[in-house]
Amino acid sequence: MMMQTFHSSLSSLGEENAIERPYRMTATLTAPQKVVLQELASKYRVSVAWLIRQAIDRFLEEVSGGKLPFEMR
């Protein structure tokens, strides 16, 4: 089965609706991850949520070729 790219997935959802409608998710971070994210957010005057969304976008683009950039446990 071929994995859709991030942008083709957005297109199939109707890009305007996919971007405008927010979805809430929960993730558990380690204390060091939280601290670093907060420091980066403060340094660049952005929210932690924005940093996480940017990281997710980058990750989805990387894996759109069908291979994860790390080993699965």
Protein backbone atom coordinates (compact mmCIF):
# COMPACT_ATOMS: atom_id res chain seq x y z
CA MET A 1 0.00 0.00 0.00
CA MET A 2 1.44 3.37 -0.99
CA MET A 3 1.47 6.16 1.55
CA GLN A 4 -0.06 9.46 0.48
CA THR A 5 2.10 12.53 0.77
CA PHE A 6 1.17 15.10 3.36
CA HIS A 7 0.04 17.60 0.73
CA SER A 8 -1.94 15.04 -1.28
CA SER A 9 -3.68 14.04 1.95
CA LEU A 10 -4.62 17.68 2.51
CA SER A 11 -5.94 17.89 -1.04
CA SER A 12 -8.06 14.79 -0.61
CA LEU A 13 -9.56 16.29 2.56
CA GLY A 14 -10.21 19.60 0.87
CA GLU A 15 -7.17 21.67 1.78
CA GLU A 16 -9.14 24.70 2.94
CA ASN A 17 -11.20 22.67 5.41
CA ALA A 18 -8.20 20.63 6.55
CA ILE A 19 -6.19 23.72 7.38
CA GLU A 20 -9.00 25.74 8.96
CA ARG A 21 -10.47 23.05 11.20
CA PRO A 22 -8.22 22.43 14.20
CA TYR A 23 -7.95 19.02 15.83
CA ARG A 24 -6.84 18.55 19.41
CA MET A 25 -4.46 15.78 20.33
CA THR A 26 -2.57 14.87 23.46
CA ALA A 27 1.07 13.81 23.63
CA THR A 28 3.21 12.97 26.62
CA LEU A 29 6.61 14.67 26.69
CA THR A 30 9.59 14.11 28.91
CA ALA A 31 10.56 16.91 31.28
CA PRO A 32 13.67 17.77 29.19
CA GLN A 33 11.57 17.93 25.99
CA LYS A 34 9.14 20.31 27.69
CA VAL A 35 11.92 22.55 28.97
CA VAL A 36 13.65 22.77 25.58
CA LEU A 37 10.37 23.49 23.78
CA GLN A 38 9.53 26.24 26.27
CA GLU A 39 12.99 27.77 25.91
CA LEU A 40 12.76 27.74 22.11
CA ALA A 41 9.27 29.21 22.17
CA SER A 42 10.43 32.01 24.44
CA LYS A 43 13.58 32.67 22.43
CA TYR A 44 11.73 32.93 19.11
CA ARG A 45 8.55 34.45 20.57
CA VAL A 46 6.26 31.72 19.30
CA SER A 47 4.05 29.24 21.10
CA VAL A 48 5.06 25.72 22.01
CA ALA A 49 2.03 24.54 20.01
CA TRP A 50 3.36 26.34 16.92
CA LEU A 51 6.76 24.65 17.30
CA ILE A 52 5.10 21.26 17.62
CA ARG A 53 2.93 21.86 14.52
CA GLN A 54 6.03 22.85 12.54
CA ALA A 55 7.85 19.71 13.68
CA ILE A 56 4.88 17.54 12.73
CA ASP A 57 4.67 19.15 9.27
CA ARG A 58 8.39 18.52 8.69
CA PHE A 59 8.10 14.91 9.89
CA LEU A 60 5.10 14.23 7.64
CA GLU A 61 6.96 15.60 4.63
CA GLU A 62 9.96 13.36 5.43
CA VAL A 63 7.89 10.18 5.74
CA SER A 64 5.75 10.84 2.68
CA GLY A 65 8.26 8.73 0.74
CA GLY A 66 7.06 5.71 2.67
CA LYS A 67 9.99 5.19 5.05
CA LEU A 68 10.37 6.40 8.60
CA PRO A 69 13.61 8.31 9.31
CA PHE A 70 14.26 6.14 12.39
CA GLU A 71 14.01 2.54 13.59
CA MET A 72 10.75 1.28 15.01
CA ARG A 73 10.98 -0.38 18.41
